[in-house]
């Protein structure tokens, strides 16, 4: 019974995950198949970044709003340097049957992504409230507490305001919950 519920939950979440991203329903096929094992690097844990503000972005290469938001994330990482870490959690390997899993590295190179990108899984989407639409992002303060959550494309200025608030500690810290930790393989 547990296996059936787990499989059913996976299917429901995967279906709901991509309902919010406006795109055509035909998957963009990779010419290299679905084996992205060569692109997997060392593991990254959220706790490795305690003491920094962290912006987590759940995204996929096939999602137009996700693609549109990447330049702002690159700019924010450049602007804040070591005070901010952006972590992209790619859902390409678990969406659309993994058809775009091999597109992540070329996408990172094309856009000049300057922050770590990790290979997301169903467990991390559930830990973060059952991510149902992408992009979904979280701003986490230096102590590891989520101070904002966004579903959909977010402006550079909105992120900047949250990052500045987190850096200054300019909020009631008791109103927030600790971000779930995760350890995921980086994509190189």
Protein backbone atom coordinates (compact mmCIF):
# COMPACT_ATOMS: atom_id res chain seq x y z
CA UNK A 1 0.00 0.00 0.00
CA UNK A 2 2.84 2.41 0.85
CA UNK A 3 4.48 1.80 -2.51
CA UNK A 4 1.24 2.51 -4.35
CA UNK A 5 0.70 5.73 -2.41
CA UNK A 6 4.30 6.78 -2.99
CA UNK A 7 4.03 6.13 -6.75
CA UNK A 8 0.68 7.91 -6.94
CA UNK A 9 2.07 10.89 -4.99
CA UNK A 10 5.04 11.07 -7.36
CA UNK A 11 2.75 11.12 -10.41
CA UNK A 12 0.41 13.74 -8.95
CA UNK A 13 3.24 16.03 -7.83
CA UNK A 14 5.11 15.67 -11.11
CA UNK A 15 1.95 16.52 -13.06
CA UNK A 16 1.13 19.49 -10.81
CA UNK A 17 4.73 20.69 -10.77
CA UNK A 18 4.65 21.74 -14.37
CA UNK A 19 1.11 23.02 -14.71
CA UNK A 20 2.16 26.56 -13.82
CA UNK A 21 4.87 26.99 -16.43
CA UNK A 22 3.48 28.37 -19.69
CA UNK A 23 4.98 26.30 -22.43
CA UNK A 24 3.88 23.98 -25.18
CA UNK A 25 3.14 20.44 -24.09
CA UNK A 26 5.63 18.78 -26.40
CA UNK A 27 8.92 18.05 -24.65
CA UNK A 28 12.12 19.37 -26.12
CA UNK A 29 14.09 16.22 -26.89
CA UNK A 30 17.79 16.00 -26.20
CA UNK A 31 19.92 14.49 -28.93
CA UNK A 32 22.04 12.69 -26.34
CA UNK A 33 19.31 10.65 -24.61
CA UNK A 34 18.65 10.71 -20.90
CA UNK A 35 21.95 9.62 -19.35
CA UNK A 36 23.23 12.73 -17.61
CA UNK A 37 25.52 10.85 -15.21
CA UNK A 38 28.65 12.39 -16.76
CA UNK A 39 27.41 15.84 -15.77
CA UNK A 40 27.02 15.04 -12.04
CA UNK A 41 29.67 16.47 -9.70
CA UNK A 42 30.23 16.61 -5.97
CA UNK A 43 27.41 16.97 -3.50
CA UNK A 44 26.20 20.30 -2.15
CA UNK A 45 24.34 20.78 1.15
CA UNK A 46 22.33 23.80 2.14
CA UNK A 47 24.07 23.84 5.54
CA UNK A 48 27.36 24.50 3.70
CA UNK A 49 26.09 28.06 3.17
CA UNK A 50 25.06 28.92 6.73
CA UNK A 51 26.21 32.48 7.39
CA UNK A 52 25.26 33.62 3.87
CA UNK A 53 21.96 34.66 2.41
CA UNK A 54 20.82 31.94 0.00
CA UNK A 55 18.42 32.23 -2.89
CA UNK A 56 17.11 28.82 -3.99
CA UNK A 57 15.54 28.62 -7.45
CA UNK A 58 13.61 25.52 -8.58
CA UNK A 59 13.65 25.58 -12.39
CA UNK A 60 14.00 23.61 -15.64
CA UNK A 61 15.58 24.41 -19.01
CA UNK A 62 12.30 23.92 -20.88
CA UNK A 63 10.39 26.49 -18.77
CA UNK A 64 10.21 29.94 -20.46
CA UNK A 65 9.74 31.96 -17.22
CA UNK A 66 12.65 30.05 -15.65
CA UNK A 67 14.87 30.89 -18.61
CA UNK A 68 13.83 34.54 -18.44
CA UNK A 69 14.75 34.78 -14.73
CA UNK A 70 18.26 33.32 -14.97
CA UNK A 71 19.99 36.59 -16.05
CA UNK A 72 18.63 38.32 -12.91
CA UNK A 73 20.01 35.52 -10.73
CA UNK A 74 23.40 35.86 -12.42
CA UNK A 75 23.32 39.65 -11.85
CA UNK A 76 22.37 39.24 -8.18
CA UNK A 77 25.24 36.80 -7.61
CA UNK A 78 27.63 39.29 -9.25
CA UNK A 79 26.20 42.20 -7.28
CA UNK A 80 26.33 40.57 -3.82
CA UNK A 81 29.39 38.37 -4.29
CA UNK A 82 30.25 36.30 -1.22
CA UNK A 83 27.31 37.64 0.81
CA UNK A 84 24.83 35.73 -1.36
CA UNK A 85 24.71 32.24 -2.74
CA UNK A 86 22.24 31.35 -5.45
CA UNK A 87 21.49 27.65 -5.78
CA UNK A 88 19.63 26.48 -8.86
CA UNK A 89 17.74 23.24 -8.34
CA UNK A 90 17.21 21.79 -11.81
CA UNK A 91 14.11 19.64 -12.17
CA UNK A 92 14.99 18.56 -15.70
CA UNK A 93 15.86 15.00 -14.61
CA UNK A 94 12.44 14.46 -12.97
CA UNK A 95 10.22 16.35 -15.41
CA UNK A 96 9.05 15.35 -18.86
CA UNK A 97 10.45 11.89 -18.39
CA UNK A 98 13.96 13.31 -18.05
CA UNK A 99 13.95 14.33 -21.74
CA UNK A 100 15.81 17.59 -21.01
CA UNK A 101 18.27 16.28 -18.38
CA UNK A 102 21.18 16.54 -20.82
CA UNK A 103 20.25 20.12 -21.74
CA UNK A 104 21.27 21.53 -18.34
CA UNK A 105 25.05 21.76 -18.87
CA UNK A 106 24.77 23.40 -22.33
CA UNK A 107 22.18 25.80 -20.88
CA UNK A 108 24.53 26.69 -17.99
CA UNK A 109 27.35 27.35 -20.44
CA UNK A 110 25.19 29.37 -22.84
CA UNK A 111 23.86 31.64 -20.08
CA UNK A 112 27.15 31.84 -18.15
CA UNK A 113 25.59 30.67 -14.90
CA UNK A 114 27.90 31.72 -12.06
CA UNK A 115 26.25 29.83 -9.23
CA UNK A 116 25.93 26.14 -8.38
CA UNK A 117 23.20 24.10 -10.02
CA UNK A 118 22.14 20.83 -8.44
CA UNK A 119 20.11 17.89 -9.69
CA UNK A 120 16.73 18.08 -7.98
CA UNK A 121 14.65 15.11 -6.95
CA UNK A 122 11.13 14.41 -5.73
CA UNK A 123 12.24 14.43 -2.09
CA UNK A 124 13.56 18.01 -2.16
CA UNK A 125 10.43 19.28 -3.94
CA UNK A 126 8.33 17.73 -1.15
CA UNK A 127 10.60 19.16 1.58
CA UNK A 128 9.94 22.61 0.16
CA UNK A 129 6.19 22.36 0.40
CA UNK A 130 5.47 20.25 -2.66
CA UNK A 131 6.74 22.57 -5.38
CA UNK A 132 3.84 22.61 -7.84
CA UNK A 133 4.93 25.17 -10.38
CA UNK A 134 8.23 26.52 -11.64
CA UNK A 135 10.00 28.74 -11.18
CA UNK A 136 9.56 28.59 -7.42
CA UNK A 137 12.13 30.38 -5.29
CA UNK A 138 13.04 30.89 -1.65
CA UNK A 139 15.20 33.52 0.05
CA UNK A 140 16.90 32.14 3.16
CA UNK A 141 18.62 34.26 5.79
CA UNK A 142 22.09 33.73 7.28
CA UNK A 143 20.73 31.54 10.06
CA UNK A 144 18.93 29.23 7.63
CA UNK A 145 15.37 30.55 7.91
CA UNK A 146 13.07 31.04 4.90
CA UNK A 147 12.07 34.71 4.78
CA UNK A 148 10.25 34.63 1.42
CA UNK A 149 8.78 32.18 -1.06
CA UNK A 150 7.71 33.01 -4.60
CA UNK A 151 5.89 31.04 -7.27
CA UNK A 152 6.48 32.38 -10.76
CA UNK A 153 8.90 34.85 -12.25
CA UNK A 154 10.27 37.34 -9.71
CA UNK A 155 11.80 40.72 -10.49
CA UNK A 156 15.40 41.63 -9.73
CA UNK A 157 14.19 44.41 -7.41
CA UNK A 158 11.95 42.08 -5.39
CA UNK A 159 14.85 39.71 -4.79
CA UNK A 160 17.14 42.65 -4.01
CA UNK A 161 14.74 43.94 -1.35
CA UNK A 162 14.57 40.50 0.30
CA UNK A 163 18.33 40.00 0.16
CA UNK A 164 18.95 43.44 1.68
CA UNK A 165 16.38 42.69 4.40
CA UNK A 166 18.10 39.36 5.16
CA UNK A 167 21.57 40.93 5.25
CA UNK A 168 20.41 43.70 7.59
CA UNK A 169 18.38 41.35 9.81
CA UNK A 170 15.53 43.80 9.29
CA UNK A 171 12.61 41.49 10.05
CA UNK A 172 11.02 39.67 12.97
CA UNK A 173 13.09 36.49 13.07
CA UNK A 174 10.52 34.62 15.15
CA UNK A 175 8.04 34.70 12.25
CA UNK A 176 10.03 32.34 10.05
CA UNK A 177 10.73 28.62 9.81
CA UNK A 178 14.04 26.90 9.20
CA UNK A 179 14.67 25.89 5.59
CA UNK A 180 14.81 22.13 5.11
CA UNK A 181 18.37 20.94 4.57
CA UNK A 182 19.22 18.96 1.48
CA UNK A 183 22.25 17.32 -0.05
CA UNK A 184 22.14 17.07 -3.83
CA UNK A 185 24.70 16.38 -6.56
CA UNK A 186 25.96 19.40 -8.44
CA UNK A 187 25.68 19.52 -12.20
CA UNK A 188 28.91 20.44 -13.97
